Amino acid sequence: MKQLHKILNEITTLTTDIETNYPELYRSLDENPMTLPVSQHPHMDKEVMQEYLESLKQMLHHYLDEHKTQTK
């Protein structure tokens, strides 16, 4: 349970950072397939939340890489 709590805290921190510092990216989170449950009652466990956290990190990393390329 502690591990899941830690993952949820990381998701919250990262999402808040994206919302504050990258609002244009934050708006696209609603469009991210990882945020849309496939079933009406999705099973949310530690593994699913870890995958979601990793997808957020990847999105931010990709966005930052893209942004660097555009500013050069």
PDB file of N, CA and C in Angstrom:
ATOM      1  N   MET A   1       0.819  -1.197   0.000  1.00  0.00           N
ATOM      2  CA  MET A   1       0.000   0.000   0.000  1.00  0.00           C
ATOM      3  C   MET A   1       0.859   1.256   0.000  1.00  0.00           C
ATOM      4  N   LYS A   2       1.976   1.219   0.709  1.00  0.00           N
ATOM      5  CA  LYS A   2       2.858   2.384   0.749  1.00  0.00           C
ATOM      6  C   LYS A   2       3.405   2.697  -0.638  1.00  0.00           C
ATOM      7  N   GLN A   3       3.693   1.649  -1.383  1.00  0.00           N
ATOM      8  CA  GLN A   3       4.220   1.840  -2.734  1.00  0.00           C
ATOM      9  C   GLN A   3       3.188   2.531  -3.618  1.00  0.00           C
ATOM     10  N   LEU A   4       1.946   2.124  -3.535  1.00  0.00           N
ATOM     11  CA  LEU A   4       0.884   2.751  -4.314  1.00  0.00           C
ATOM     12  C   LEU A   4       0.721   4.211  -3.895  1.00  0.00           C
ATOM     13  N   HIS A   5       0.780   4.465  -2.623  1.00  0.00           N
ATOM     14  CA  HIS A   5       0.671   5.841  -2.115  1.00  0.00           C
ATOM     15  C   HIS A   5       1.812   6.705  -2.673  1.00  0.00           C
ATOM     16  N   LYS A   6       3.005   6.152  -2.702  1.00  0.00           N
ATOM     17  CA  LYS A   6       4.161   6.870  -3.249  1.00  0.00           C
ATOM     18  C   LYS A   6       3.952   7.183  -4.733  1.00  0.00           C
ATOM     19  N   ILE A   7       3.464   6.224  -5.486  1.00  0.00           N
ATOM     20  CA  ILE A   7       3.204   6.417  -6.920  1.00  0.00           C
ATOM     21  C   ILE A   7       2.152   7.505  -7.119  1.00  0.00           C
ATOM     22  N   LEU A   8       1.088   7.455  -6.333  1.00  0.00           N
ATOM     23  CA  LEU A   8       0.036   8.473  -6.443  1.00  0.00           C
ATOM     24  C   LEU A   8       0.570   9.864  -6.111  1.00  0.00           C
ATOM     25  N   ASN A   9       1.438   9.950  -5.134  1.00  0.00           N
ATOM     26  CA  ASN A   9       2.058  11.244  -4.809  1.00  0.00           C
ATOM     27  C   ASN A   9       2.921  11.753  -5.965  1.00  0.00           C
ATOM     28  N   GLU A  10       3.663  10.850  -6.588  1.00  0.00           N
ATOM     29  CA  GLU A  10       4.484  11.238  -7.740  1.00  0.00           C
ATOM     30  C   GLU A  10       3.614  11.715  -8.897  1.00  0.00           C
ATOM     31  N   ILE A  11       2.515  11.027  -9.137  1.00  0.00           N
ATOM     32  CA  ILE A  11       1.592  11.425 -10.203  1.00  0.00           C
ATOM     33  C   ILE A  11       1.047  12.818  -9.911  1.00  0.00           C
ATOM     34  N   THR A  12       0.648  13.048  -8.688  1.00  0.00           N
ATOM     35  CA  THR A  12       0.106  14.350  -8.300  1.00  0.00           C
ATOM     36  C   THR A  12       1.146  15.450  -8.461  1.00  0.00           C
ATOM     37  N   THR A  13       2.354  15.200  -8.009  1.00  0.00           N
ATOM     38  CA  THR A  13       3.431  16.181  -8.120  1.00  0.00           C
ATOM     39  C   THR A  13       3.746  16.482  -9.577  1.00  0.00           C
ATOM     40  N   LEU A  14       3.871  15.446 -10.381  1.00  0.00           N
ATOM     41  CA  LEU A  14       4.198  15.633 -11.796  1.00  0.00           C
ATOM     42  C   LEU A  14       3.063  16.346 -12.538  1.00  0.00           C
ATOM     43  N   THR A  15       1.844  15.961 -12.261  1.00  0.00           N
ATOM     44  CA  THR A  15       0.702  16.598 -12.903  1.00  0.00           C
ATOM     45  C   THR A  15       0.611  18.078 -12.528  1.00  0.00           C
ATOM     46  N   THR A  16       0.868  18.390 -11.277  1.00  0.00           N
ATOM     47  CA  THR A  16       0.863  19.784 -10.824  1.00  0.00           C
ATOM     48  C   THR A  16       1.972  20.572 -11.507  1.00  0.00           C
ATOM     49  N   ASP A  17       3.134  19.973 -11.644  1.00  0.00           N
ATOM     50  CA  ASP A  17       4.247  20.625 -12.341  1.00  0.00           C
ATOM     51  C   ASP A  17       3.881  20.898 -13.801  1.00  0.00           C
ATOM     52  N   ILE A  18       3.285  19.926 -14.451  1.00  0.00           N
ATOM     53  CA  ILE A  18       2.877  20.102 -15.847  1.00  0.00           C
ATOM     54  C   ILE A  18       1.818  21.199 -15.947  1.00  0.00           C
ATOM     55  N   GLU A  19       0.851  21.167 -15.054  1.00  0.00           N
ATOM     56  CA  GLU A  19      -0.218  22.175 -15.072  1.00  0.00           C
ATOM     57  C   GLU A  19       0.344  23.583 -14.874  1.00  0.00           C
ATOM     58  N   THR A  20       1.294  23.724 -13.981  1.00  0.00           N
ATOM     59  CA  THR A  20       1.860  25.032 -13.649  1.00  0.00           C
ATOM     60  C   THR A  20       2.842  25.533 -14.705  1.00  0.00           C
ATOM     61  N   ASN A  21       3.720  24.664 -15.148  1.00  0.00           N
ATOM     62  CA  ASN A  21       4.823  25.093 -16.015  1.00  0.00           C
ATOM     63  C   ASN A  21       4.612  24.839 -17.508  1.00  0.00           C
ATOM     64  N   TYR A  22       3.714  23.937 -17.833  1.00  0.00           N
ATOM     65  CA  TYR A  22       3.484  23.583 -19.234  1.00  0.00           C
ATOM     66  C   TYR A  22       1.984  23.470 -19.497  1.00  0.00           C
ATOM     67  N   PRO A  23       1.242  24.567 -19.365  1.00  0.00           N
ATOM     68  CA  PRO A  23      -0.220  24.491 -19.503  1.00  0.00           C
ATOM     69  C   PRO A  23      -0.682  23.957 -20.857  1.00  0.00           C
ATOM     70  N   GLU A  24       0.091  24.210 -21.904  1.00  0.00           N
ATOM     71  CA  GLU A  24      -0.292  23.701 -23.221  1.00  0.00           C
ATOM     72  C   GLU A  24      -0.213  22.173 -23.255  1.00  0.00           C
ATOM     73  N   LEU A  25       0.722  21.605 -22.524  1.00  0.00           N
ATOM     74  CA  LEU A  25       0.815  20.147 -22.421  1.00  0.00           C
ATOM     75  C   LEU A  25      -0.275  19.610 -21.497  1.00  0.00           C
ATOM     76  N   TYR A  26      -0.536  20.319 -20.447  1.00  0.00           N
ATOM     77  CA  TYR A  26      -1.563  19.895 -19.495  1.00  0.00           C
ATOM     78  C   TYR A  26      -2.925  19.744 -20.176  1.00  0.00           C
ATOM     79  N   ARG A  27      -3.238  20.650 -21.064  1.00  0.00           N
ATOM     80  CA  ARG A  27      -4.511  20.570 -21.791  1.00  0.00           C
ATOM     81  C   ARG A  27      -4.616  19.281 -22.592  1.00  0.00           C
ATOM     82  N   SER A  28      -3.502  18.787 -23.067  1.00  0.00           N
ATOM     83  CA  SER A  28      -3.540  17.568 -23.882  1.00  0.00           C
ATOM     84  C   SER A  28      -3.630  16.291 -23.050  1.00  0.00           C
ATOM     85  N   LEU A  29      -3.513  16.384 -21.742  1.00  0.00           N
ATOM     86  CA  LEU A  29      -3.624  15.182 -20.917  1.00  0.00           C
ATOM     87  C   LEU A  29      -4.994  14.537 -21.055  1.00  0.00           C
ATOM     88  N   ASP A  30      -6.012  15.334 -21.277  1.00  0.00           N
ATOM     89  CA  ASP A  30      -7.346  14.773 -21.475  1.00  0.00           C
ATOM     90  C   ASP A  30      -7.423  13.914 -22.725  1.00  0.00           C
ATOM     91  N   GLU A  31      -6.526  14.155 -23.656  1.00  0.00           N
ATOM     92  CA  GLU A  31      -6.525  13.421 -24.913  1.00  0.00           C
ATOM     93  C   GLU A  31      -5.612  12.203 -24.882  1.00  0.00           C
ATOM     94  N   ASN A  32      -4.849  12.064 -23.816  1.00  0.00           N
ATOM     95  CA  ASN A  32      -3.914  10.963 -23.704  1.00  0.00           C
ATOM     96  C   ASN A  32      -4.677   9.653 -23.499  1.00  0.00           C
ATOM     97  N   PRO A  33      -4.455   8.653 -24.353  1.00  0.00           N
ATOM     98  CA  PRO A  33      -5.163   7.385 -24.213  1.00  0.00           C
ATOM     99  C   PRO A  33      -4.966   6.721 -22.843  1.00  0.00           C
ATOM    100  N   MET A  34      -3.840   6.988 -22.193  1.00  0.00           N
ATOM    101  CA  MET A  34      -3.605   6.402 -20.879  1.00  0.00           C
ATOM    102  C   MET A  34      -4.567   6.954 -19.838  1.00  0.00           C
ATOM    103  N   THR A  35      -5.113   8.116 -20.054  1.00  0.00           N
ATOM    104  CA  THR A  35      -6.015   8.706 -19.070  1.00  0.00           C
ATOM    105  C   THR A  35      -7.462   8.287 -19.291  1.00  0.00           C
ATOM    106  N   LEU A  36      -7.718   7.617 -20.391  1.00  0.00           N
ATOM    107  CA  LEU A  36      -9.085   7.208 -20.709  1.00  0.00           C
ATOM    108  C   LEU A  36      -9.266   5.724 -20.420  1.00  0.00           C
ATOM    109  N   PRO A  37     -10.107   5.380 -19.462  1.00  0.00           N
ATOM    110  CA  PRO A  37     -10.296   3.962 -19.164  1.00  0.00           C
ATOM    111  C   PRO A  37     -10.973   3.229 -20.323  1.00  0.00           C
ATOM    112  N   VAL A  38     -10.543   2.023 -20.555  1.00  0.00           N
ATOM    113  CA  VAL A  38     -11.083   1.227 -21.649  1.00  0.00           C
ATOM    114  C   VAL A  38     -12.424   0.611 -21.246  1.00  0.00           C
ATOM    115  N   SER A  39     -12.557   0.269 -19.990  1.00  0.00           N
ATOM    116  CA  SER A  39     -13.810  -0.315 -19.516  1.00  0.00           C
ATOM    117  C   SER A  39     -14.518   0.652 -18.563  1.00  0.00           C
ATOM    118  N   GLN A  40     -15.764   0.359 -18.280  1.00  0.00           N
ATOM    119  CA  GLN A  40     -16.519   1.234 -17.394  1.00  0.00           C
ATOM    120  C   GLN A  40     -15.978   1.211 -15.974  1.00  0.00           C
ATOM    121  N   HIS A  41     -15.475   0.072 -15.540  1.00  0.00           N
ATOM    122  CA  HIS A  41     -14.958  -0.081 -14.176  1.00  0.00           C
ATOM    123  C   HIS A  41     -13.522  -0.605 -14.243  1.00  0.00           C
ATOM    124  N   PRO A  42     -12.593   0.260 -14.622  1.00  0.00           N
ATOM    125  CA  PRO A  42     -11.212  -0.209 -14.768  1.00  0.00           C
ATOM    126  C   PRO A  42     -10.606  -0.606 -13.422  1.00  0.00           C
ATOM    127  N   HIS A  43      -9.744  -1.575 -13.456  1.00  0.00           N
ATOM    128  CA  HIS A  43      -9.027  -2.027 -12.263  1.00  0.00           C
ATOM    129  C   HIS A  43      -7.770  -1.183 -12.117  1.00  0.00           C
ATOM    130  N   MET A  44      -7.701  -0.423 -11.050  1.00  0.00           N
ATOM    131  CA  MET A  44      -6.568   0.479 -10.849  1.00  0.00           C
ATOM    132  C   MET A  44      -5.692  -0.081  -9.734  1.00  0.00           C
ATOM    133  N   ASP A  45      -4.591  -0.696 -10.108  1.00  0.00           N
ATOM    134  CA  ASP A  45      -3.671  -1.220  -9.106  1.00  0.00           C
ATOM    135  C   ASP A  45      -2.321  -0.537  -9.236  1.00  0.00           C
ATOM    136  N   LYS A  46      -1.375  -0.990  -8.459  1.00  0.00           N
ATOM    137  CA  LYS A  46      -0.052  -0.384  -8.432  1.00  0.00           C
ATOM    138  C   LYS A  46       0.605  -0.401  -9.808  1.00  0.00           C
ATOM    139  N   GLU A  47       0.468  -1.510 -10.499  1.00  0.00           N
ATOM    140  CA  GLU A  47       1.084  -1.647 -11.822  1.00  0.00           C
ATOM    141  C   GLU A  47       0.482  -0.657 -12.823  1.00  0.00           C
ATOM    142  N   VAL A  48      -0.822  -0.530 -12.836  1.00  0.00           N
ATOM    143  CA  VAL A  48      -1.505   0.390 -13.750  1.00  0.00           C
ATOM    144  C   VAL A  48      -1.098   1.835 -13.449  1.00  0.00           C
ATOM    145  N   MET A  49      -1.046   2.166 -12.176  1.00  0.00           N
ATOM    146  CA  MET A  49      -0.678   3.530 -11.800  1.00  0.00           C
ATOM    147  C   MET A  49       0.792   3.823 -12.129  1.00  0.00           C
ATOM    148  N   GLN A  50       1.648   2.832 -11.981  1.00  0.00           N
ATOM    149  CA  GLN A  50       3.058   3.004 -12.341  1.00  0.00           C
ATOM    150  C   GLN A  50       3.191   3.234 -13.847  1.00  0.00           C
ATOM    151  N   GLU A  51       2.429   2.501 -14.631  1.00  0.00           N
ATOM    152  CA  GLU A  51       2.451   2.688 -16.083  1.00  0.00           C
ATOM    153  C   GLU A  51       1.958   4.085 -16.448  1.00  0.00           C
ATOM    154  N   TYR A  52       0.943   4.542 -15.758  1.00  0.00           N
ATOM    155  CA  TYR A  52       0.434   5.891 -16.010  1.00  0.00           C
ATOM    156  C   TYR A  52       1.485   6.939 -15.655  1.00  0.00           C
ATOM    157  N   LEU A  53       2.151   6.756 -14.531  1.00  0.00           N
ATOM    158  CA  LEU A  53       3.223   7.676 -14.130  1.00  0.00           C
ATOM    159  C   LEU A  53       4.316   7.709 -15.191  1.00  0.00           C
ATOM    160  N   GLU A  54       4.704   6.557 -15.670  1.00  0.00           N
ATOM    161  CA  GLU A  54       5.744   6.493 -16.706  1.00  0.00           C
ATOM    162  C   GLU A  54       5.274   7.179 -17.989  1.00  0.00           C
ATOM    163  N   SER A  55       4.011   7.032 -18.327  1.00  0.00           N
ATOM    164  CA  SER A  55       3.506   7.687 -19.542  1.00  0.00           C
ATOM    165  C   SER A  55       3.535   9.207 -19.383  1.00  0.00           C
ATOM    166  N   LEU A  56       3.236   9.705 -18.191  1.00  0.00           N
ATOM    167  CA  LEU A  56       3.322  11.150 -17.944  1.00  0.00           C
ATOM    168  C   LEU A  56       4.761  11.640 -18.085  1.00  0.00           C
ATOM    169  N   LYS A  57       5.681  10.883 -17.521  1.00  0.00           N
ATOM    170  CA  LYS A  57       7.103  11.255 -17.619  1.00  0.00           C
ATOM    171  C   LYS A  57       7.559  11.270 -19.074  1.00  0.00           C
ATOM    172  N   GLN A  58       7.130  10.278 -19.830  1.00  0.00           N
ATOM    173  CA  GLN A  58       7.503  10.214 -21.245  1.00  0.00           C
ATOM    174  C   GLN A  58       6.913  11.373 -22.028  1.00  0.00           C
ATOM    175  N   MET A  59       5.669  11.700 -21.750  1.00  0.00           N
ATOM    176  CA  MET A  59       5.038  12.834 -22.435  1.00  0.00           C
ATOM    177  C   MET A  59       5.798  14.124 -22.158  1.00  0.00           C
ATOM    178  N   LEU A  60       6.158  14.351 -20.912  1.00  0.00           N
ATOM    179  CA  LEU A  60       6.885  15.561 -20.554  1.00  0.00           C
ATOM    180  C   LEU A  60       8.260  15.571 -21.210  1.00  0.00           C
ATOM    181  N   HIS A  61       8.936  14.453 -21.159  1.00  0.00           N
ATOM    182  CA  HIS A  61      10.262  14.361 -21.777  1.00  0.00           C
ATOM    183  C   HIS A  61      10.179  14.640 -23.278  1.00  0.00           C
ATOM    184  N   HIS A  62       9.214  14.032 -23.936  1.00  0.00           N
ATOM    185  CA  HIS A  62       9.027  14.249 -25.379  1.00  0.00           C
ATOM    186  C   HIS A  62       8.698  15.713 -25.659  1.00  0.00           C
ATOM    187  N   TYR A  63       7.843  16.284 -24.864  1.00  0.00           N
ATOM    188  CA  TYR A  63       7.474  17.687 -25.035  1.00  0.00           C
ATOM    189  C   TYR A  63       8.703  18.584 -24.885  1.00  0.00           C
ATOM    190  N   LEU A  64       9.505  18.331 -23.864  1.00  0.00           N
ATOM    191  CA  LEU A  64      10.702  19.157 -23.643  1.00  0.00           C
ATOM    192  C   LEU A  64      11.704  18.998 -24.780  1.00  0.00           C
ATOM    193  N   ASP A  65      11.869  17.777 -25.267  1.00  0.00           N
ATOM    194  CA  ASP A  65      12.763  17.557 -26.414  1.00  0.00           C
ATOM    195  C   ASP A  65      12.269  18.306 -27.642  1.00  0.00           C
ATOM    196  N   GLU A  66      10.986  18.224 -27.889  1.00  0.00           N
ATOM    197  CA  GLU A  66      10.386  18.904 -29.037  1.00  0.00           C
ATOM    198  C   GLU A  66      10.522  20.423 -28.901  1.00  0.00           C
ATOM    199  N   HIS A  67      10.287  20.909 -27.722  1.00  0.00           N
ATOM    200  CA  HIS A  67      10.348  22.345 -27.463  1.00  0.00           C
ATOM    201  C   HIS A  67      11.773  22.878 -27.665  1.00  0.00           C
ATOM    202  N   LYS A  68      12.756  22.102 -27.224  1.00  0.00           N
ATOM    203  CA  LYS A  68      14.164  22.491 -27.426  1.00  0.00           C
ATOM    204  C   LYS A  68      14.479  22.598 -28.906  1.00  0.00           C
ATOM    205  N   THR A  69      13.994  21.636 -29.682  1.00  0.00           N
ATOM    206  CA  THR A  69      14.248  21.617 -31.125  1.00  0.00           C
ATOM    207  C   THR A  69      13.618  22.838 -31.796  1.00  0.00           C
ATOM    208  N   GLN A  70      12.431  23.214 -31.376  1.00  0.00           N
ATOM    209  CA  GLN A  70      11.728  24.333 -31.987  1.00  0.00           C
ATOM    210  C   GLN A  70      12.345  25.665 -31.619  1.00  0.00           C
ATOM    211  N   THR A  71      12.998  25.776 -30.486  1.00  0.00           N
ATOM    212  CA  THR A  71      13.566  27.051 -30.064  1.00  0.00           C
ATOM    213  C   THR A  71      14.957  27.282 -30.647  1.00  0.00           C
ATOM    214  N   LYS A  72      15.530  26.287 -31.269  1.00  0.00           N
ATOM    215  CA  LYS A  72      16.873  26.456 -31.850  1.00  0.00           C
ATOM    216  C   LYS A  72      16.814  27.131 -33.183  1.00  0.00           C
TER     217      LYS A  72
END
